[in-house]
PDB file of N, CA and C in Angstrom:
ATOM      1  N   UNK A   1      -0.860   4.377 -21.192  1.00  0.00           N
ATOM      2  CA  UNK A   1      -2.032   5.178 -20.809  1.00  0.00           C
ATOM      3  C   UNK A   1      -1.853   5.673 -19.384  1.00  0.00           C
ATOM      4  N   UNK A   2      -1.403   6.869 -19.239  1.00  0.00           N
ATOM      5  CA  UNK A   2      -1.224   7.433 -17.915  1.00  0.00           C
ATOM      6  C   UNK A   2      -2.299   8.485 -17.689  1.00  0.00           C
ATOM      7  N   UNK A   3      -3.007   8.340 -16.591  1.00  0.00           N
ATOM      8  CA  UNK A   3      -4.056   9.303 -16.303  1.00  0.00           C
ATOM      9  C   UNK A   3      -3.469  10.469 -15.515  1.00  0.00           C
ATOM     10  N   UNK A   4      -4.283  11.433 -15.246  1.00  0.00           N
ATOM     11  CA  UNK A   4      -3.863  12.588 -14.470  1.00  0.00           C
ATOM     12  C   UNK A   4      -3.601  12.121 -13.044  1.00  0.00           C
ATOM     13  N   UNK A   5      -2.494  12.581 -12.476  1.00  0.00           N
ATOM     14  CA  UNK A   5      -2.138  12.201 -11.110  1.00  0.00           C
ATOM     15  C   UNK A   5      -3.197  12.717 -10.149  1.00  0.00           C
ATOM     16  N   UNK A   6      -3.629  11.857  -9.226  1.00  0.00           N
ATOM     17  CA  UNK A   6      -4.652  12.246  -8.271  1.00  0.00           C
ATOM     18  C   UNK A   6      -4.096  12.179  -6.858  1.00  0.00           C
ATOM     19  N   UNK A   7      -4.338  13.214  -6.082  1.00  0.00           N
ATOM     20  CA  UNK A   7      -3.907  13.206  -4.683  1.00  0.00           C
ATOM     21  C   UNK A   7      -5.008  12.581  -3.838  1.00  0.00           C
ATOM     22  N   UNK A   8      -4.602  11.647  -2.991  1.00  0.00           N
ATOM     23  CA  UNK A   8      -5.552  10.975  -2.099  1.00  0.00           C
ATOM     24  C   UNK A   8      -5.285  11.388  -0.659  1.00  0.00           C
ATOM     25  N   UNK A   9      -6.349  11.603   0.092  1.00  0.00           N
ATOM     26  CA  UNK A   9      -6.209  11.739   1.546  1.00  0.00           C
ATOM     27  C   UNK A   9      -6.081  10.336   2.113  1.00  0.00           C
ATOM     28  N   UNK A  10      -5.377  10.191   3.222  1.00  0.00           N
ATOM     29  CA  UNK A  10      -5.143   8.862   3.775  1.00  0.00           C
ATOM     30  C   UNK A  10      -6.298   8.399   4.671  1.00  0.00           C
ATOM     31  N   UNK A  11      -7.483   8.337   4.082  1.00  0.00           N
ATOM     32  CA  UNK A  11      -8.633   7.780   4.788  1.00  0.00           C
ATOM     33  C   UNK A  11      -8.487   6.267   4.793  1.00  0.00           C
ATOM     34  N   UNK A  12      -9.251   5.599   5.643  1.00  0.00           N
ATOM     35  CA  UNK A  12      -9.208   4.133   5.691  1.00  0.00           C
ATOM     36  C   UNK A  12      -9.501   3.543   4.310  1.00  0.00           C
ATOM     37  N   UNK A  13     -10.519   4.076   3.651  1.00  0.00           N
ATOM     38  CA  UNK A  13     -10.898   3.571   2.326  1.00  0.00           C
ATOM     39  C   UNK A  13      -9.735   3.703   1.343  1.00  0.00           C
ATOM     40  N   UNK A  14      -9.061   4.844   1.354  1.00  0.00           N
ATOM     41  CA  UNK A  14      -7.955   5.062   0.426  1.00  0.00           C
ATOM     42  C   UNK A  14      -6.719   4.243   0.783  1.00  0.00           C
ATOM     43  N   UNK A  15      -6.515   3.997   2.078  1.00  0.00           N
ATOM     44  CA  UNK A  15      -5.404   3.130   2.496  1.00  0.00           C
ATOM     45  C   UNK A  15      -5.643   1.719   1.951  1.00  0.00           C
ATOM     46  N   UNK A  16      -6.881   1.246   2.025  1.00  0.00           N
ATOM     47  CA  UNK A  16      -7.207  -0.081   1.492  1.00  0.00           C
ATOM     48  C   UNK A  16      -7.099  -0.098  -0.031  1.00  0.00           C
ATOM     49  N   UNK A  17      -7.470   1.001  -0.666  1.00  0.00           N
ATOM     50  CA  UNK A  17      -7.330   1.128  -2.120  1.00  0.00           C
ATOM     51  C   UNK A  17      -5.845   1.056  -2.503  1.00  0.00           C
ATOM     52  N   UNK A  18      -5.011   1.737  -1.733  1.00  0.00           N
ATOM     53  CA  UNK A  18      -3.566   1.702  -1.957  1.00  0.00           C
ATOM     54  C   UNK A  18      -3.038   0.276  -1.789  1.00  0.00           C
ATOM     55  N   UNK A  19      -3.490  -0.408  -0.740  1.00  0.00           N
ATOM     56  CA  UNK A  19      -3.046  -1.790  -0.502  1.00  0.00           C
ATOM     57  C   UNK A  19      -3.402  -2.675  -1.684  1.00  0.00           C
ATOM     58  N   UNK A  20      -4.629  -2.568  -2.170  1.00  0.00           N
ATOM     59  CA  UNK A  20      -5.059  -3.388  -3.306  1.00  0.00           C
ATOM     60  C   UNK A  20      -4.250  -3.034  -4.555  1.00  0.00           C
ATOM     61  N   UNK A  21      -3.991  -1.764  -4.762  1.00  0.00           N
ATOM     62  CA  UNK A  21      -3.209  -1.333  -5.929  1.00  0.00           C
ATOM     63  C   UNK A  21      -1.794  -1.909  -5.876  1.00  0.00           C
ATOM     64  N   UNK A  22      -1.176  -1.889  -4.690  1.00  0.00           N
ATOM     65  CA  UNK A  22       0.182  -2.442  -4.544  1.00  0.00           C
ATOM     66  C   UNK A  22       0.175  -3.939  -4.827  1.00  0.00           C
ATOM     67  N   UNK A  23      -0.840  -4.640  -4.316  1.00  0.00           N
ATOM     68  CA  UNK A  23      -0.954  -6.084  -4.575  1.00  0.00           C
ATOM     69  C   UNK A  23      -1.130  -6.334  -6.069  1.00  0.00           C
ATOM     70  N   UNK A  24      -1.969  -5.554  -6.719  1.00  0.00           N
ATOM     71  CA  UNK A  24      -2.207  -5.740  -8.157  1.00  0.00           C
ATOM     72  C   UNK A  24      -0.946  -5.487  -8.981  1.00  0.00           C
ATOM     73  N   UNK A  25      -0.169  -4.478  -8.591  1.00  0.00           N
ATOM     74  CA  UNK A  25       1.010  -4.096  -9.364  1.00  0.00           C
ATOM     75  C   UNK A  25       2.217  -4.983  -9.029  1.00  0.00           C
ATOM     76  N   UNK A  26       2.426  -5.253  -7.735  1.00  0.00           N
ATOM     77  CA  UNK A  26       3.643  -5.966  -7.311  1.00  0.00           C
ATOM     78  C   UNK A  26       3.401  -7.422  -6.912  1.00  0.00           C
ATOM     79  N   UNK A  27       2.127  -7.824  -6.819  1.00  0.00           N
ATOM     80  CA  UNK A  27       1.826  -9.206  -6.450  1.00  0.00           C
ATOM     81  C   UNK A  27       1.709  -9.431  -4.956  1.00  0.00           C
ATOM     82  N   UNK A  28       2.344  -8.566  -4.165  1.00  0.00           N
ATOM     83  CA  UNK A  28       2.248  -8.694  -2.716  1.00  0.00           C
ATOM     84  C   UNK A  28       2.718  -7.403  -2.065  1.00  0.00           C
ATOM     85  N   UNK A  29       2.478  -7.318  -0.753  1.00  0.00           N
ATOM     86  CA  UNK A  29       2.913  -6.163   0.026  1.00  0.00           C
ATOM     87  C   UNK A  29       4.065  -6.636   0.903  1.00  0.00           C
ATOM     88  N   UNK A  30       5.270  -6.173   0.614  1.00  0.00           N
ATOM     89  CA  UNK A  30       6.420  -6.555   1.429  1.00  0.00           C
ATOM     90  C   UNK A  30       7.308  -5.341   1.666  1.00  0.00           C
ATOM     91  N   UNK A  31       8.030  -5.382   2.755  1.00  0.00           N
ATOM     92  CA  UNK A  31       9.026  -4.359   3.029  1.00  0.00           C
ATOM     93  C   UNK A  31      10.084  -4.947   3.948  1.00  0.00           C
ATOM     94  N   UNK A  32      11.212  -4.268   4.015  1.00  0.00           N
ATOM     95  CA  UNK A  32      12.332  -4.698   4.857  1.00  0.00           C
ATOM     96  C   UNK A  32      12.276  -3.931   6.173  1.00  0.00           C
ATOM     97  N   UNK A  33      12.575  -4.620   7.256  1.00  0.00           N
ATOM     98  CA  UNK A  33      12.676  -3.942   8.541  1.00  0.00           C
ATOM     99  C   UNK A  33      14.146  -3.675   8.834  1.00  0.00           C
ATOM    100  N   UNK A  34      14.572  -2.463   8.552  1.00  0.00           N
ATOM    101  CA  UNK A  34      15.972  -2.109   8.785  1.00  0.00           C
ATOM    102  C   UNK A  34      16.217  -1.677  10.227  1.00  0.00           C
ATOM    103  N   UNK A  35      15.160  -1.604  11.023  1.00  0.00           N
ATOM    104  CA  UNK A  35      15.304  -1.169  12.414  1.00  0.00           C
ATOM    105  C   UNK A  35      15.804  -2.302  13.313  1.00  0.00           C
ATOM    106  N   UNK A  36      15.696  -3.536  12.859  1.00  0.00           N
ATOM    107  CA  UNK A  36      16.122  -4.655  13.709  1.00  0.00           C
ATOM    108  C   UNK A  36      17.644  -4.739  13.730  1.00  0.00           C
ATOM    109  N   UNK A  37      18.168  -5.428  14.712  1.00  0.00           N
ATOM    110  CA  UNK A  37      19.624  -5.545  14.866  1.00  0.00           C
ATOM    111  C   UNK A  37      20.221  -6.702  14.075  1.00  0.00           C
ATOM    112  N   UNK A  38      19.388  -7.501  13.430  1.00  0.00           N
ATOM    113  CA  UNK A  38      19.931  -8.656  12.723  1.00  0.00           C
ATOM    114  C   UNK A  38      20.733  -8.197  11.506  1.00  0.00           C
ATOM    115  N   UNK A  39      21.737  -8.987  11.091  1.00  0.00           N
ATOM    116  CA  UNK A  39      22.563  -8.586   9.952  1.00  0.00           C
ATOM    117  C   UNK A  39      21.771  -8.529   8.648  1.00  0.00           C
ATOM    118  N   UNK A  40      20.696  -9.297   8.576  1.00  0.00           N
ATOM    119  CA  UNK A  40      19.833  -9.275   7.393  1.00  0.00           C
ATOM    120  C   UNK A  40      18.499  -8.676   7.803  1.00  0.00           C
ATOM    121  N   UNK A  41      18.018  -7.695   7.042  1.00  0.00           N
ATOM    122  CA  UNK A  41      16.739  -7.089   7.429  1.00  0.00           C
ATOM    123  C   UNK A  41      15.607  -8.113   7.367  1.00  0.00           C
ATOM    124  N   UNK A  42      14.708  -8.036   8.322  1.00  0.00           N
ATOM    125  CA  UNK A  42      13.545  -8.932   8.319  1.00  0.00           C
ATOM    126  C   UNK A  42      12.640  -8.563   7.160  1.00  0.00           C
ATOM    127  N   UNK A  43      12.145  -9.576   6.474  1.00  0.00           N
ATOM    128  CA  UNK A  43      11.195  -9.352   5.383  1.00  0.00           C
ATOM    129  C   UNK A  43       9.792  -9.450   5.984  1.00  0.00           C
ATOM    130  N   UNK A  44       9.016  -8.434   5.810  1.00  0.00           N
ATOM    131  CA  UNK A  44       7.647  -8.441   6.333  1.00  0.00           C
ATOM    132  C   UNK A  44       6.678  -8.426   5.167  1.00  0.00           C
ATOM    133  N   UNK A  45       5.536  -9.025   5.369  1.00  0.00           N
ATOM    134  CA  UNK A  45       4.495  -8.926   4.357  1.00  0.00           C
ATOM    135  C   UNK A  45       3.146  -8.830   5.053  1.00  0.00           C
ATOM    136  N   UNK A  46       2.202  -8.257   4.355  1.00  0.00           N
ATOM    137  CA  UNK A  46       0.835  -8.122   4.868  1.00  0.00           C
ATOM    138  C   UNK A  46      -0.127  -8.525   3.765  1.00  0.00           C
ATOM    139  N   UNK A  47      -1.239  -9.103   4.163  1.00  0.00           N
ATOM    140  CA  UNK A  47      -2.310  -9.373   3.207  1.00  0.00           C
ATOM    141  C   UNK A  47      -3.369  -8.290   3.374  1.00  0.00           C
ATOM    142  N   UNK A  48      -4.220  -8.168   2.369  1.00  0.00           N
ATOM    143  CA  UNK A  48      -5.299  -7.189   2.442  1.00  0.00           C
ATOM    144  C   UNK A  48      -6.212  -7.496   3.629  1.00  0.00           C
ATOM    145  N   UNK A  49      -6.491  -8.786   3.873  1.00  0.00           N
ATOM    146  CA  UNK A  49      -7.357  -9.158   4.999  1.00  0.00           C
ATOM    147  C   UNK A  49      -6.746  -8.777   6.341  1.00  0.00           C
ATOM    148  N   UNK A  50      -5.413  -8.930   6.470  1.00  0.00           N
ATOM    149  CA  UNK A  50      -4.750  -8.526   7.713  1.00  0.00           C
ATOM    150  C   UNK A  50      -4.892  -7.022   7.930  1.00  0.00           C
ATOM    151  N   UNK A  51      -4.726  -6.262   6.857  1.00  0.00           N
ATOM    152  CA  UNK A  51      -4.822  -4.803   6.955  1.00  0.00           C
ATOM    153  C   UNK A  51      -6.254  -4.396   7.312  1.00  0.00           C
ATOM    154  N   UNK A  52      -7.224  -5.042   6.664  1.00  0.00           N
ATOM    155  CA  UNK A  52      -8.634  -4.721   6.944  1.00  0.00           C
ATOM    156  C   UNK A  52      -9.016  -5.103   8.368  1.00  0.00           C
ATOM    157  N   UNK A  53      -8.436  -6.200   8.866  1.00  0.00           N
ATOM    158  CA  UNK A  53      -8.885  -6.769  10.135  1.00  0.00           C
ATOM    159  C   UNK A  53      -8.211  -6.219  11.372  1.00  0.00           C
ATOM    160  N   UNK A  54      -7.169  -5.430  11.224  1.00  0.00           N
ATOM    161  CA  UNK A  54      -6.417  -4.990  12.389  1.00  0.00           C
ATOM    162  C   UNK A  54      -6.037  -3.514  12.273  1.00  0.00           C
ATOM    163  N   UNK A  55      -6.526  -2.690  13.202  1.00  0.00           N
ATOM    164  CA  UNK A  55      -6.170  -1.265  13.180  1.00  0.00           C
ATOM    165  C   UNK A  55      -4.650  -1.057  13.261  1.00  0.00           C
ATOM    166  N   UNK A  56      -3.953  -1.919  14.033  1.00  0.00           N
ATOM    167  CA  UNK A  56      -2.498  -1.787  14.151  1.00  0.00           C
ATOM    168  C   UNK A  56      -1.828  -2.048  12.805  1.00  0.00           C
ATOM    169  N   UNK A  57      -2.274  -3.081  12.107  1.00  0.00           N
ATOM    170  CA  UNK A  57      -1.674  -3.415  10.813  1.00  0.00           C
ATOM    171  C   UNK A  57      -2.021  -2.353   9.758  1.00  0.00           C
ATOM    172  N   UNK A  58      -3.227  -1.810   9.845  1.00  0.00           N
ATOM    173  CA  UNK A  58      -3.619  -0.730   8.942  1.00  0.00           C
ATOM    174  C   UNK A  58      -2.682   0.468   9.141  1.00  0.00           C
ATOM    175  N   UNK A  59      -2.430   0.812  10.399  1.00  0.00           N
ATOM    176  CA  UNK A  59      -1.557   1.948  10.714  1.00  0.00           C
ATOM    177  C   UNK A  59      -0.121   1.657  10.277  1.00  0.00           C
ATOM    178  N   UNK A  60       0.325   0.446  10.511  1.00  0.00           N
ATOM    179  CA  UNK A  60       1.671   0.042  10.106  1.00  0.00           C
ATOM    180  C   UNK A  60       1.816   0.141   8.587  1.00  0.00           C
ATOM    181  N   UNK A  61       0.809  -0.345   7.875  1.00  0.00           N
ATOM    182  CA  UNK A  61       0.824  -0.269   6.416  1.00  0.00           C
ATOM    183  C   UNK A  61       0.849   1.189   5.964  1.00  0.00           C
ATOM    184  N   UNK A  62       0.004   2.007   6.578  1.00  0.00           N
ATOM    185  CA  UNK A  62      -0.064   3.434   6.210  1.00  0.00           C
ATOM    186  C   UNK A  62       1.307   4.092   6.400  1.00  0.00           C
ATOM    187  N   UNK A  63       1.968   3.788   7.517  1.00  0.00           N
ATOM    188  CA  UNK A  63       3.282   4.379   7.789  1.00  0.00           C
ATOM    189  C   UNK A  63       4.334   3.927   6.778  1.00  0.00           C
ATOM    190  N   UNK A  64       4.293   2.663   6.405  1.00  0.00           N
ATOM    191  CA  UNK A  64       5.314   2.111   5.510  1.00  0.00           C
ATOM    192  C   UNK A  64       5.074   2.464   4.038  1.00  0.00           C
ATOM    193  N   UNK A  65       3.812   2.602   3.640  1.00  0.00           N
ATOM    194  CA  UNK A  65       3.500   2.613   2.212  1.00  0.00           C
ATOM    195  C   UNK A  65       2.818   3.851   1.666  1.00  0.00           C
ATOM    196  N   UNK A  66       2.436   4.799   2.507  1.00  0.00           N
ATOM    197  CA  UNK A  66       1.675   5.939   1.972  1.00  0.00           C
ATOM    198  C   UNK A  66       2.455   6.690   0.896  1.00  0.00           C
ATOM    199  N   UNK A  67       3.798   6.683   0.960  1.00  0.00           N
ATOM    200  CA  UNK A  67       4.606   7.356  -0.075  1.00  0.00           C
ATOM    201  C   UNK A  67       4.415   6.712  -1.451  1.00  0.00           C
ATOM    202  N   UNK A  68       3.977   5.439  -1.494  1.00  0.00           N
ATOM    203  CA  UNK A  68       3.869   4.758  -2.783  1.00  0.00           C
ATOM    204  C   UNK A  68       2.744   5.303  -3.659  1.00  0.00           C
ATOM    205  N   UNK A  69       1.802   6.018  -3.041  1.00  0.00           N
ATOM    206  CA  UNK A  69       0.731   6.577  -3.873  1.00  0.00           C
ATOM    207  C   UNK A  69       1.260   7.672  -4.794  1.00  0.00           C
ATOM    208  N   UNK A  70       2.520   8.102  -4.567  1.00  0.00           N
ATOM    209  CA  UNK A  70       3.119   9.096  -5.452  1.00  0.00           C
ATOM    210  C   UNK A  70       3.797   8.454  -6.659  1.00  0.00           C
ATOM    211  N   UNK A  71       3.808   7.120  -6.675  1.00  0.00           N
ATOM    212  CA  UNK A  71       4.271   6.398  -7.866  1.00  0.00           C
ATOM    213  C   UNK A  71       3.151   6.471  -8.901  1.00  0.00           C
ATOM    214  N   UNK A  72       3.487   6.866 -10.128  1.00  0.00           N
ATOM    215  CA  UNK A  72       2.452   6.991 -11.161  1.00  0.00           C
ATOM    216  C   UNK A  72       1.754   5.673 -11.437  1.00  0.00           C
ATOM    217  N   UNK A  73       2.511   4.576 -11.412  1.00  0.00           N
ATOM    218  CA  UNK A  73       1.915   3.260 -11.685  1.00  0.00           C
ATOM    219  C   UNK A  73       0.889   2.908 -10.607  1.00  0.00           C
ATOM    220  N   UNK A  74       1.268   3.107  -9.346  1.00  0.00           N
ATOM    221  CA  UNK A  74       0.356   2.814  -8.233  1.00  0.00           C
ATOM    222  C   UNK A  74      -0.839   3.769  -8.274  1.00  0.00           C
ATOM    223  N   UNK A  75      -0.576   5.032  -8.540  1.00  0.00           N
ATOM    224  CA  UNK A  75      -1.643   6.029  -8.577  1.00  0.00           C
ATOM    225  C   UNK A  75      -2.656   5.699  -9.679  1.00  0.00           C
ATOM    226  N   UNK A  76      -2.149   5.320 -10.852  1.00  0.00           N
ATOM    227  CA  UNK A  76      -3.051   4.921 -11.947  1.00  0.00           C
ATOM    228  C   UNK A  76      -3.903   3.727 -11.546  1.00  0.00           C
ATOM    229  N   UNK A  77      -3.276   2.759 -10.867  1.00  0.00           N
ATOM    230  CA  UNK A  77      -4.002   1.561 -10.447  1.00  0.00           C
ATOM    231  C   UNK A  77      -5.053   1.905  -9.395  1.00  0.00           C
ATOM    232  N   UNK A  78      -4.732   2.815  -8.475  1.00  0.00           N
ATOM    233  CA  UNK A  78      -5.717   3.253  -7.476  1.00  0.00           C
ATOM    234  C   UNK A  78      -6.929   3.870  -8.179  1.00  0.00           C
ATOM    235  N   UNK A  79      -6.671   4.693  -9.192  1.00  0.00           N
ATOM    236  CA  UNK A  79      -7.765   5.339  -9.907  1.00  0.00           C
ATOM    237  C   UNK A  79      -8.606   4.307 -10.683  1.00  0.00           C
ATOM    238  N   UNK A  80      -7.923   3.317 -11.254  1.00  0.00           N
ATOM    239  CA  UNK A  80      -8.633   2.278 -11.979  1.00  0.00           C
ATOM    240  C   UNK A  80      -9.527   1.476 -11.033  1.00  0.00           C
ATOM    241  N   UNK A  81      -8.987   1.117  -9.868  1.00  0.00           N
ATOM    242  CA  UNK A  81      -9.752   0.371  -8.875  1.00  0.00           C
ATOM    243  C   UNK A  81     -10.938   1.187  -8.383  1.00  0.00           C
ATOM    244  N   UNK A  82     -10.689   2.460  -8.126  1.00  0.00           N
ATOM    245  CA  UNK A  82     -11.744   3.347  -7.639  1.00  0.00           C
ATOM    246  C   UNK A  82     -12.881   3.425  -8.660  1.00  0.00           C
ATOM    247  N   UNK A  83     -12.519   3.461  -9.919  1.00  0.00           N
ATOM    248  CA  UNK A  83     -13.498   3.540 -10.990  1.00  0.00           C
ATOM    249  C   UNK A  83     -14.331   2.262 -11.070  1.00  0.00           C
ATOM    250  N   UNK A  84     -13.718   1.114 -10.743  1.00  0.00           N
ATOM    251  CA  UNK A  84     -14.408  -0.177 -10.842  1.00  0.00           C
ATOM    252  C   UNK A  84     -15.335  -0.466  -9.668  1.00  0.00           C
ATOM    253  N   UNK A  85     -15.146   0.265  -8.562  1.00  0.00           N
ATOM    254  CA  UNK A  85     -15.946  -0.026  -7.354  1.00  0.00           C
ATOM    255  C   UNK A  85     -17.412   0.321  -7.577  1.00  0.00           C
TER     256      UNK A  85
END
């Protein structure tokens, strides 16, 4: 069941919706930090509460993950969550 793709503006509400959708689909929010000099990229993760509670973490999440809303699975989940609110 794939719904029509919806474009979201990156408002705070939609960034949080994206975060919840990623958690629902993948179980957690993680990414690799390839900018560090270590031979192994640092694994970073964020919780929804961290994103909600810190403007810096919200911005960091937005920078790292806004492209994921173009994934059909994530987009469908965002729409489902939006419908349930």
